[in-house]
N, C-alpha and C. Protein backbone atom coordinates (compact mmCIF):
# COMPACT_ATOMS: atom_id res chain seq x y z
N MET A 1 0.98 -1.48 0.24
CA MET A 1 -0.27 -0.03 0.05
C MET A 1 0.72 1.17 0.29
N ILE A 2 0.58 2.25 -1.00
CA ILE A 2 1.32 3.60 -0.78
C ILE A 2 0.67 4.42 -0.02
N LYS A 3 1.65 5.25 0.59
CA LYS A 3 1.35 5.71 1.86
C LYS A 3 1.38 7.42 1.76
N LEU A 4 0.45 8.14 1.62
CA LEU A 4 0.52 9.29 1.09
C LEU A 4 0.22 10.23 2.30
N ALA A 5 0.96 11.59 2.49
CA ALA A 5 0.82 12.55 3.29
C ALA A 5 0.39 13.80 2.62
N ILE A 6 -0.69 14.67 3.60
CA ILE A 6 -0.83 15.96 2.77
C ILE A 6 -0.65 17.12 3.55
N LEU A 7 0.09 17.72 3.13
CA LEU A 7 0.28 19.06 4.01
C LEU A 7 -0.21 20.17 3.47
N ALA A 8 -1.09 20.88 4.53
CA ALA A 8 -1.98 21.79 4.51
C ALA A 8 -1.97 22.93 5.28
N SER A 9 -2.15 24.21 4.86
CA SER A 9 -2.21 25.11 6.17
C SER A 9 -3.54 25.64 6.38
N GLY A 10 -4.53 25.46 5.71
CA GLY A 10 -5.96 26.30 5.90
C GLY A 10 -7.29 25.22 6.03
N SER A 11 -7.99 25.45 5.11
CA SER A 11 -9.15 24.82 5.31
C SER A 11 -9.11 23.39 4.80
N GLY A 12 -8.65 23.16 3.93
CA GLY A 12 -8.59 21.77 3.39
C GLY A 12 -9.32 20.91 2.67
N SER A 13 -10.32 21.85 1.69
CA SER A 13 -11.08 21.37 1.03
C SER A 13 -10.60 20.58 -0.19
N ASN A 14 -9.02 20.74 -0.96
CA ASN A 14 -8.74 19.83 -1.34
C ASN A 14 -8.30 18.57 -1.01
N ALA A 15 -7.56 18.64 0.21
CA ALA A 15 -7.40 17.44 1.21
C ALA A 15 -8.72 16.58 1.21
N GLU A 16 -9.67 17.10 1.49
CA GLU A 16 -10.60 16.17 1.80
C GLU A 16 -11.15 15.71 0.45
N LYS A 17 -10.79 16.53 -0.58
CA LYS A 17 -11.37 15.78 -2.01
C LYS A 17 -10.51 14.47 -2.06
N ILE A 18 -9.44 14.64 -1.62
CA ILE A 18 -8.13 13.63 -2.18
C ILE A 18 -8.66 12.39 -1.03
N MET A 19 -8.84 12.78 0.52
CA MET A 19 -9.32 11.70 1.22
C MET A 19 -10.41 10.83 0.70
N GLU A 20 -11.49 11.56 0.32
CA GLU A 20 -12.58 10.86 -0.31
C GLU A 20 -12.30 9.89 -1.68
N HIS A 21 -11.32 10.38 -2.11
CA HIS A 21 -10.79 9.59 -3.52
C HIS A 21 -10.11 8.28 -3.04
N PHE A 22 -9.57 8.43 -2.04
CA PHE A 22 -8.60 7.45 -1.83
C PHE A 22 -9.05 6.37 -0.74
N GLN A 23 -10.29 7.16 -0.07
CA GLN A 23 -11.01 6.11 0.74
C GLN A 23 -11.62 5.04 0.52
N GLY A 24 -11.11 3.61 1.07
CA GLY A 24 -11.33 2.21 0.29
C GLY A 24 -10.49 1.67 -0.58
N SER A 25 -9.39 2.60 -1.06
CA SER A 25 -8.67 2.12 -2.39
C SER A 25 -7.51 1.16 -1.53
N THR A 26 -7.25 0.07 -2.49
CA THR A 26 -6.27 -0.90 -2.17
C THR A 26 -5.06 -0.71 -2.65
N LYS A 27 -4.77 0.50 -3.78
CA LYS A 27 -3.64 0.89 -3.67
C LYS A 27 -2.74 2.20 -3.16
N ALA A 28 -3.67 2.68 -2.58
CA ALA A 28 -3.27 3.75 -1.79
C ALA A 28 -3.82 4.30 -0.37
N GLU A 29 -3.39 4.93 0.51
CA GLU A 29 -3.97 5.80 1.49
C GLU A 29 -3.41 6.85 2.15
N ILE A 30 -4.24 7.49 2.46
CA ILE A 30 -3.79 8.77 3.26
C ILE A 30 -3.68 8.43 4.34
N ALA A 31 -2.00 8.36 4.66
CA ALA A 31 -1.50 8.05 5.98
C ALA A 31 -1.36 8.94 7.12
N LEU A 32 -1.41 10.47 6.58
CA LEU A 32 -1.19 11.35 7.54
C LEU A 32 -1.43 12.91 7.07
N ILE A 33 -2.22 13.85 7.65
CA ILE A 33 -2.42 15.33 7.56
C ILE A 33 -1.71 15.79 8.35
N ALA A 34 -0.68 16.86 8.11
CA ALA A 34 0.17 17.65 8.64
C ALA A 34 0.06 18.95 8.38
N SER A 35 -0.09 19.96 9.13
CA SER A 35 -0.33 21.23 8.89
C SER A 35 0.64 22.17 9.90
N ASN A 36 0.95 23.26 9.40
CA ASN A 36 1.82 24.28 10.38
C ASN A 36 0.95 25.33 11.35
N LYS A 37 -0.47 25.07 11.00
CA LYS A 37 -1.52 25.63 11.80
C LYS A 37 -2.42 24.94 13.13
N ALA A 38 -2.08 24.95 13.89
CA ALA A 38 -3.03 23.97 14.85
C ALA A 38 -4.53 24.44 14.97
N ASN A 39 -4.55 25.17 14.53
CA ASN A 39 -6.26 25.65 14.21
C ASN A 39 -6.90 25.45 12.70
N ALA A 40 -6.02 24.94 12.03
CA ALA A 40 -6.26 24.48 10.45
C ALA A 40 -7.60 23.82 10.37
N PHE A 41 -8.52 24.30 9.46
CA PHE A 41 -9.86 23.33 9.63
C PHE A 41 -9.38 21.92 9.00
N VAL A 42 -8.33 21.98 8.09
CA VAL A 42 -7.85 20.59 7.57
C VAL A 42 -7.82 19.54 8.88
N LEU A 43 -7.54 19.95 9.73
CA LEU A 43 -7.13 18.92 10.77
C LEU A 43 -8.71 18.12 11.15
N GLU A 44 -9.57 18.96 11.04
CA GLU A 44 -11.34 18.67 11.36
C GLU A 44 -11.64 17.55 10.31
N ARG A 45 -11.23 18.16 9.30
CA ARG A 45 -11.55 17.24 8.11
C ARG A 45 -10.74 16.16 8.18
N ALA A 46 -9.57 16.08 8.66
CA ALA A 46 -8.97 14.49 8.78
C ALA A 46 -9.63 13.89 9.88
N LYS A 47 -10.05 14.26 11.00
CA LYS A 47 -10.86 13.58 11.71
C LYS A 47 -12.00 12.66 10.84
N LYS A 48 -12.86 13.34 10.34
CA LYS A 48 -13.92 12.71 9.84
C LYS A 48 -13.69 11.52 8.82
N PHE A 49 -12.46 11.57 8.52
CA PHE A 49 -11.94 10.50 7.67
C PHE A 49 -10.95 9.43 8.17
N GLY A 50 -10.78 9.63 9.98
CA GLY A 50 -10.21 8.95 10.58
C GLY A 50 -8.73 8.89 10.17
N VAL A 51 -8.14 10.10 9.70
CA VAL A 51 -6.64 10.01 9.03
C VAL A 51 -5.79 10.88 10.63
N PRO A 52 -4.77 10.32 10.77
CA PRO A 52 -4.19 10.65 12.09
C PRO A 52 -3.64 12.26 11.57
N THR A 53 -3.41 13.38 12.34
CA THR A 53 -2.71 14.58 12.15
C THR A 53 -1.45 14.65 12.61
N PHE A 54 -0.67 15.69 12.64
CA PHE A 54 0.32 16.11 12.85
C PHE A 54 0.53 17.69 12.77
N THR A 55 1.05 18.44 13.68
CA THR A 55 1.29 19.96 13.19
C THR A 55 2.53 20.13 13.86
N PHE A 56 3.31 21.09 13.43
CA PHE A 56 4.61 21.42 13.55
C PHE A 56 4.25 23.10 13.07
N THR A 57 5.90 23.70 13.62
CA THR A 57 5.87 25.11 13.46
C THR A 57 6.83 25.07 12.39
N ARG A 58 6.94 26.56 11.68
CA ARG A 58 8.28 26.52 10.82
C ARG A 58 9.62 26.20 11.27
N LYS A 59 9.80 26.71 12.28
CA LYS A 59 11.11 26.46 12.83
C LYS A 59 11.24 24.88 13.16
N GLU A 60 10.41 24.01 13.53
CA GLU A 60 10.48 22.66 13.57
C GLU A 60 10.44 22.02 12.56
N MET A 61 9.80 22.47 10.95
CA MET A 61 10.08 22.00 9.73
C MET A 61 11.45 22.29 9.40
N ASP A 62 12.10 23.41 9.58
CA ASP A 62 13.31 23.53 9.16
C ASP A 62 14.42 23.03 9.96
N ALA A 63 13.93 22.46 11.15
CA ALA A 63 14.94 21.70 12.06
C ALA A 63 14.90 20.10 11.87
N GLY A 64 14.03 19.57 10.97
CA GLY A 64 13.65 18.29 10.60
C GLY A 64 12.71 17.35 10.98
N VAL A 65 11.77 18.23 11.80
CA VAL A 65 10.87 17.41 12.65
C VAL A 65 9.96 16.92 11.94
N LEU A 66 9.55 17.57 10.84
CA LEU A 66 8.91 17.17 9.88
C LEU A 66 9.11 16.01 9.15
N LEU A 67 10.09 16.23 8.38
CA LEU A 67 11.07 15.33 7.71
C LEU A 67 10.85 13.82 8.62
N ALA A 68 11.64 13.69 9.87
CA ALA A 68 11.61 12.74 10.65
C ALA A 68 10.05 12.12 11.04
N LYS A 69 8.83 12.86 11.16
CA LYS A 69 7.70 12.28 11.20
C LYS A 69 7.08 11.73 9.62
N LEU A 70 7.73 12.22 8.93
CA LEU A 70 7.27 11.57 7.41
C LEU A 70 8.06 10.08 7.20
N GLN A 71 9.35 10.31 7.52
CA GLN A 71 10.06 8.92 7.69
C GLN A 71 9.35 7.93 8.41
N GLU A 72 9.19 8.32 9.81
CA GLU A 72 8.61 7.55 10.99
C GLU A 72 7.44 6.54 10.14
N GLU A 73 6.46 7.49 9.55
CA GLU A 73 5.25 6.85 8.81
C GLU A 73 5.64 6.38 7.72
N LYS A 74 6.59 6.15 7.64
CA LYS A 74 7.33 5.65 6.35
C LYS A 74 6.19 6.15 4.88
N ILE A 75 6.18 7.16 4.81
CA ILE A 75 5.38 7.85 3.40
C ILE A 75 6.07 7.99 2.26
N ASP A 76 5.44 7.44 1.30
CA ASP A 76 5.81 7.23 0.04
C ASP A 76 5.82 8.65 -0.94
N TRP A 77 4.85 9.30 -0.58
CA TRP A 77 4.60 10.53 -1.52
C TRP A 77 4.02 11.59 -0.84
N VAL A 78 4.23 12.69 -0.89
CA VAL A 78 3.59 13.78 -0.41
C VAL A 78 2.83 15.15 -1.15
N ILE A 79 1.94 15.27 -0.71
CA ILE A 79 0.90 15.97 -1.67
C ILE A 79 0.70 17.32 -0.52
N LEU A 80 1.34 18.70 -1.46
CA LEU A 80 1.22 19.83 -1.07
C LEU A 80 -0.85 20.60 -1.39
N ALA A 81 -1.65 20.75 -0.25
CA ALA A 81 -2.64 21.27 -1.11
C ALA A 81 -3.21 22.51 -0.21
N GLY A 82 -2.60 23.38 -0.65
CA GLY A 82 -2.79 24.60 0.00
C GLY A 82 -1.73 24.86 1.32
N PHE A 83 -0.60 24.34 1.02
CA PHE A 83 0.52 24.42 1.91
C PHE A 83 1.08 25.56 1.92
N LEU A 84 1.17 26.64 2.80
CA LEU A 84 2.07 27.96 2.30
C LEU A 84 3.66 28.40 2.53
N LEU A 85 4.09 27.38 3.41
CA LEU A 85 5.49 27.47 3.89
C LEU A 85 6.38 27.00 2.47
N LYS A 86 7.51 27.47 2.43
CA LYS A 86 8.47 26.90 1.33
C LYS A 86 9.14 25.77 2.08
N ILE A 87 9.29 24.79 1.17
CA ILE A 87 9.74 23.41 1.67
C ILE A 87 11.18 23.54 1.48
N PRO A 88 11.70 22.77 2.59
CA PRO A 88 13.29 23.05 3.05
C PRO A 88 13.75 21.91 1.86
N GLU A 89 15.18 22.23 1.58
CA GLU A 89 15.37 21.47 0.12
C GLU A 89 15.82 19.78 1.12
N ASP A 90 16.13 19.84 2.28
CA ASP A 90 16.28 18.64 2.40
C ASP A 90 15.21 17.64 2.69
N LEU A 91 14.06 18.00 2.86
CA LEU A 91 12.65 17.32 2.59
C LEU A 91 12.56 17.28 1.11
N ILE A 92 13.09 17.99 -0.01
CA ILE A 92 12.25 17.80 -0.79
C ILE A 92 13.31 16.55 -1.62
N ARG A 93 14.75 16.87 -0.99
CA ARG A 93 15.82 15.82 -1.71
C ARG A 93 15.38 14.26 -0.98
N ALA A 94 13.99 14.52 -0.19
CA ALA A 94 14.09 13.16 0.79
C ALA A 94 13.06 12.49 -0.22
N PHE A 95 11.95 13.37 -1.15
CA PHE A 95 11.12 12.87 -2.03
C PHE A 95 11.21 13.22 -3.30
N PRO A 96 12.36 12.66 -3.99
CA PRO A 96 12.61 13.13 -4.96
C PRO A 96 11.63 12.62 -6.10
N ASP A 97 10.95 13.58 -6.95
CA ASP A 97 10.16 13.31 -7.77
C ASP A 97 8.79 12.48 -7.03
N ARG A 98 8.41 12.99 -5.95
CA ARG A 98 7.59 12.01 -5.32
C ARG A 98 6.79 13.67 -4.32
N MET A 99 6.93 14.64 -4.59
CA MET A 99 6.07 15.74 -4.24
C MET A 99 5.65 16.42 -4.78
N VAL A 100 4.10 16.53 -4.75
CA VAL A 100 3.47 17.16 -5.69
C VAL A 100 2.64 18.46 -5.37
N ASN A 101 2.37 19.25 -5.82
CA ASN A 101 1.92 20.93 -5.36
C ASN A 101 0.67 21.08 -6.63
N ILE A 102 -0.03 21.56 -6.14
CA ILE A 102 -1.48 22.44 -6.93
C ILE A 102 -1.32 23.79 -6.77
N HIS A 103 -1.33 24.39 -7.70
CA HIS A 103 -1.50 26.03 -7.85
C HIS A 103 -2.50 26.47 -8.84
N PRO A 104 -3.10 27.44 -8.08
CA PRO A 104 -4.29 28.13 -8.74
C PRO A 104 -4.29 29.34 -9.96
N ALA A 105 -3.43 28.81 -10.78
CA ALA A 105 -3.26 29.53 -11.92
C ALA A 105 -2.43 28.71 -12.73
N LEU A 106 -2.39 29.07 -14.06
CA LEU A 106 -1.74 28.50 -15.43
C LEU A 106 -0.52 28.47 -15.42
N LEU A 107 0.52 28.08 -14.48
CA LEU A 107 2.07 28.46 -14.31
C LEU A 107 2.61 28.39 -15.86
N PRO A 108 3.47 29.34 -16.31
CA PRO A 108 4.31 30.19 -15.16
C PRO A 108 3.82 31.39 -14.75
N LYS A 109 2.77 31.80 -15.04
CA LYS A 109 1.67 32.69 -14.78
C LYS A 109 1.59 32.92 -13.36
N TYR A 110 1.76 34.22 -12.60
CA TYR A 110 1.23 34.20 -11.26
C TYR A 110 1.57 33.01 -10.23
N GLY A 111 2.80 32.50 -10.52
CA GLY A 111 3.69 31.95 -9.39
C GLY A 111 4.74 33.06 -8.82
N GLY A 112 5.06 32.01 -8.02
CA GLY A 112 6.26 32.27 -7.13
C GLY A 112 6.04 32.99 -5.74
N LYS A 113 6.68 33.30 -4.84
CA LYS A 113 6.42 33.94 -3.49
C LYS A 113 5.38 35.03 -3.37
N GLY A 114 4.42 34.65 -2.50
CA GLY A 114 3.33 35.37 -2.05
C GLY A 114 2.11 34.94 -3.17
N MET A 115 2.61 34.29 -4.32
CA MET A 115 1.13 34.25 -5.20
C MET A 115 0.32 32.64 -4.71
N TYR A 116 -0.60 33.06 -3.98
CA TYR A 116 -1.30 32.02 -3.39
C TYR A 116 -2.95 32.42 -3.19
N GLY A 117 -3.87 31.50 -3.30
CA GLY A 117 -5.13 32.00 -3.01
C GLY A 117 -5.49 33.05 -3.80
N HIS A 118 -6.31 33.97 -2.64
CA HIS A 118 -6.93 35.25 -3.44
C HIS A 118 -5.83 36.17 -3.95
N HIS A 119 -4.59 36.08 -3.74
CA HIS A 119 -3.77 36.83 -4.23
C HIS A 119 -3.71 36.74 -5.91
N VAL A 120 -3.64 35.42 -6.39
CA VAL A 120 -3.70 34.88 -7.41
C VAL A 120 -4.84 35.33 -8.42
N HIS A 121 -5.96 35.37 -7.73
CA HIS A 121 -7.27 35.20 -8.46
C HIS A 121 -7.12 37.09 -8.58
N GLU A 122 -7.11 37.82 -7.39
CA GLU A 122 -7.25 38.86 -7.99
C GLU A 122 -5.91 39.90 -9.13
N ALA A 123 -4.70 38.94 -9.25
CA ALA A 123 -4.02 39.34 -10.06
C ALA A 123 -4.42 38.92 -11.39
N VAL A 124 -4.87 38.18 -11.53
CA VAL A 124 -5.85 37.16 -13.14
C VAL A 124 -6.95 38.57 -13.38
N LYS A 125 -7.76 38.77 -12.16
CA LYS A 125 -8.53 39.76 -12.57
C LYS A 125 -7.98 41.07 -12.83
N ALA A 126 -7.17 41.51 -12.10
CA ALA A 126 -6.35 42.87 -12.51
C ALA A 126 -5.84 42.99 -14.08
N ALA A 127 -4.97 41.96 -14.39
CA ALA A 127 -4.43 41.65 -15.85
C ALA A 127 -5.58 41.74 -16.90
N GLY A 128 -6.74 41.25 -16.50
CA GLY A 128 -7.77 41.31 -17.08
C GLY A 128 -7.79 39.82 -18.22
N ASP A 129 -7.05 39.05 -17.77
CA ASP A 129 -6.69 37.87 -18.31
C ASP A 129 -8.33 36.91 -18.55
N THR A 130 -8.22 36.56 -20.20
CA THR A 130 -9.61 35.92 -20.23
C THR A 130 -9.75 34.29 -19.72
N GLU A 131 -8.42 33.86 -19.27
CA GLU A 131 -8.61 32.42 -18.86
C GLU A 131 -7.72 32.33 -17.27
N THR A 132 -7.90 31.51 -16.61
CA THR A 132 -7.20 31.04 -15.88
C THR A 132 -7.26 29.67 -15.71
N GLY A 133 -6.81 28.98 -14.33
CA GLY A 133 -7.09 27.79 -14.49
C GLY A 133 -6.16 27.02 -12.89
N ILE A 134 -5.61 25.84 -13.06
CA ILE A 134 -4.79 25.16 -12.30
C ILE A 134 -3.48 24.61 -12.82
N THR A 135 -2.57 24.31 -11.84
CA THR A 135 -1.42 23.70 -12.32
C THR A 135 -0.81 22.36 -11.41
N ILE A 136 -0.72 21.19 -11.56
CA ILE A 136 -0.34 20.24 -10.60
C ILE A 136 0.98 20.02 -11.31
N HIS A 137 2.06 20.22 -10.18
CA HIS A 137 3.72 19.99 -10.56
C HIS A 137 4.31 19.53 -9.25
N LEU A 138 5.27 19.05 -9.79
CA LEU A 138 6.35 18.36 -8.78
C LEU A 138 6.82 19.41 -8.22
N VAL A 139 7.73 19.43 -6.73
CA VAL A 139 8.05 20.38 -5.78
C VAL A 139 9.33 20.34 -6.26
N ASN A 140 9.94 21.80 -6.40
CA ASN A 140 11.66 21.63 -6.44
C ASN A 140 11.99 22.78 -5.45
N GLU A 141 13.22 23.14 -5.47
CA GLU A 141 13.65 24.33 -4.40
C GLU A 141 13.12 25.31 -4.78
N HIS A 142 12.24 25.92 -5.83
CA HIS A 142 11.63 27.25 -5.98
C HIS A 142 10.51 27.44 -6.17
N TYR A 143 9.87 28.50 -5.49
CA TYR A 143 8.12 28.28 -5.43
C TYR A 143 7.66 28.28 -6.87
N ASP A 144 6.97 27.12 -7.25
CA ASP A 144 6.07 26.89 -8.28
C ASP A 144 7.19 27.01 -9.58
N GLU A 145 8.22 26.41 -9.51
CA GLU A 145 9.10 26.12 -10.65
C GLU A 145 9.23 24.55 -11.09
N GLY A 146 8.85 23.66 -10.40
CA GLY A 146 8.75 22.27 -10.74
C GLY A 146 8.15 21.68 -11.94
N LYS A 147 8.49 20.68 -12.61
CA LYS A 147 8.23 20.46 -13.63
C LYS A 147 6.67 20.41 -13.62
N ILE A 148 6.02 20.55 -14.47
CA ILE A 148 4.38 20.76 -14.71
C ILE A 148 3.92 19.26 -15.19
N ILE A 149 2.93 18.61 -14.60
CA ILE A 149 2.22 17.56 -14.52
C ILE A 149 1.03 17.49 -15.89
N PHE A 150 0.26 18.60 -15.07
CA PHE A 150 -0.90 18.78 -15.52
C PHE A 150 -1.53 19.98 -15.44
N GLN A 151 -2.14 20.72 -16.40
CA GLN A 151 -2.99 22.13 -16.35
C GLN A 151 -4.18 21.97 -16.99
N ALA A 152 -5.15 22.75 -16.22
CA ALA A 152 -7.00 22.46 -16.63
C ALA A 152 -7.16 24.22 -17.01
N ALA A 153 -7.86 24.49 -17.78
CA ALA A 153 -8.32 25.74 -17.87
C ALA A 153 -9.74 25.97 -17.77
N THR A 154 -9.73 27.58 -17.53
CA THR A 154 -11.47 27.61 -17.17
C THR A 154 -11.27 29.10 -17.92
N LYS A 155 -12.43 29.62 -18.26
CA LYS A 155 -12.68 30.89 -19.10
C LYS A 155 -12.99 32.11 -17.70
N VAL A 156 -12.31 33.15 -17.86
CA VAL A 156 -12.95 34.25 -17.31
C VAL A 156 -13.43 35.29 -18.04
N THR A 157 -14.60 35.93 -17.59
CA THR A 157 -15.35 36.75 -17.92
C THR A 157 -15.41 38.10 -17.42
N GLN A 158 -15.56 39.09 -18.02
CA GLN A 158 -15.52 40.99 -17.65
C GLN A 158 -16.00 40.40 -16.14
N ASP A 159 -17.33 40.15 -16.30
CA ASP A 159 -18.13 40.14 -15.16
C ASP A 159 -17.63 39.30 -13.75
N ASP A 160 -16.56 38.32 -14.05
CA ASP A 160 -16.05 37.50 -12.93
C ASP A 160 -15.21 38.78 -11.92
N THR A 161 -15.66 38.14 -10.55
CA THR A 161 -14.64 38.97 -9.57
C THR A 161 -13.78 38.07 -9.28
N PRO A 162 -12.66 38.26 -8.36
CA PRO A 162 -11.72 37.44 -7.64
C PRO A 162 -12.49 36.21 -7.04
N ASP A 163 -13.61 36.40 -6.58
CA ASP A 163 -14.40 35.63 -5.73
C ASP A 163 -14.94 34.43 -6.67
N THR A 164 -15.36 34.64 -7.87
CA THR A 164 -16.22 34.01 -8.70
C THR A 164 -15.01 33.57 -9.34
N ILE A 165 -14.00 33.91 -9.55
CA ILE A 165 -12.75 33.42 -10.19
C ILE A 165 -12.33 31.96 -9.29
N ALA A 166 -12.04 32.35 -8.01
CA ALA A 166 -11.62 31.46 -6.96
C ALA A 166 -12.84 30.22 -7.08
N GLN A 167 -13.88 30.29 -7.37
CA GLN A 167 -15.00 29.15 -7.32
C GLN A 167 -14.80 28.44 -8.56
N LYS A 168 -14.52 29.13 -9.60
CA LYS A 168 -14.15 28.05 -11.03
C LYS A 168 -12.91 27.49 -10.77
N VAL A 169 -12.07 28.16 -10.09
CA VAL A 169 -10.79 27.37 -9.90
C VAL A 169 -10.89 26.03 -9.35
N HIS A 170 -11.49 26.28 -7.97
CA HIS A 170 -11.92 25.30 -6.86
C HIS A 170 -12.52 24.13 -7.61
N VAL A 171 -13.35 24.32 -8.70
CA VAL A 171 -14.30 23.48 -9.43
C VAL A 171 -13.11 22.56 -10.03
N LEU A 172 -11.93 23.18 -10.67
CA LEU A 172 -11.14 22.32 -11.40
C LEU A 172 -10.29 21.64 -10.32
N GLU A 173 -9.95 22.24 -9.40
CA GLU A 173 -9.06 21.74 -8.28
C GLU A 173 -9.51 20.35 -7.84
N HIS A 174 -10.87 20.46 -7.56
CA HIS A 174 -11.48 19.33 -6.94
C HIS A 174 -11.59 18.26 -7.52
N ARG A 175 -11.98 18.33 -8.84
CA ARG A 175 -11.78 17.24 -10.02
C ARG A 175 -10.79 16.61 -10.20
N TYR A 176 -9.67 17.63 -10.56
CA TYR A 176 -8.69 16.78 -11.06
C TYR A 176 -7.67 16.53 -10.19
N PHE A 177 -7.16 17.09 -9.21
CA PHE A 177 -6.40 16.86 -8.56
C PHE A 177 -6.28 15.35 -7.79
N PRO A 178 -7.23 15.10 -7.00
CA PRO A 178 -7.56 13.54 -6.76
C PRO A 178 -7.13 12.55 -7.61
N GLU A 179 -7.49 12.43 -9.07
CA GLU A 179 -7.26 12.07 -10.13
C GLU A 179 -5.62 11.94 -10.53
N VAL A 180 -5.31 12.88 -10.31
CA VAL A 180 -4.11 13.39 -11.32
C VAL A 180 -2.78 12.52 -10.17
N ILE A 181 -3.35 12.83 -8.87
CA ILE A 181 -2.37 11.95 -8.06
C ILE A 181 -2.24 10.54 -8.21
N ALA A 182 -3.77 10.10 -8.41
CA ALA A 182 -3.99 8.47 -8.64
C ALA A 182 -3.12 8.14 -9.52
N GLY A 183 -2.89 8.81 -10.92
CA GLY A 183 -2.36 8.47 -11.66
C GLY A 183 -1.01 8.60 -11.83
N LEU A 184 -0.26 9.41 -10.90
CA LEU A 184 1.10 9.48 -10.48
C LEU A 184 1.57 8.20 -9.74
N ILE A 185 0.93 7.95 -9.04
CA ILE A 185 1.46 6.67 -8.03
C ILE A 185 1.32 5.65 -8.42
């Protein structure tokens, strides 16, 4: 059985869709939900599925505490689903080509430090783009620059707001992220 860990910093709607997808799977299991925020709602979502949770600080992550936990749990793949901290290089090296992230835009547009969530959708709107979407990519030592695995697009109209753009992007995330992960592993 392939063991997956999901790292998330917030609500965890993508994490929930991934847990739903792999529930009852004979191929892979979500073995851990880890968050850098003790009050992140993703931890409540994990309880609903009976998935163990782990919280840590940025300082602990940088000191190798998260890596040690992932190794202790014999994690095969790490999935970033709304995880907002930069991953330390030792953690990336421990999971070569087995760490995946989702970004709420069509990279290379609107990637990099500080470009997450609402910030991305506001930038798309401000630029007057007629489409946006999602990018699922491998994680490397630079924000949003790892090898692109999958992209899906949605139209943006003049009437769209950052909030409606976010809703359209969430539909793509929830539809494709679990499927792409399943195909990768």
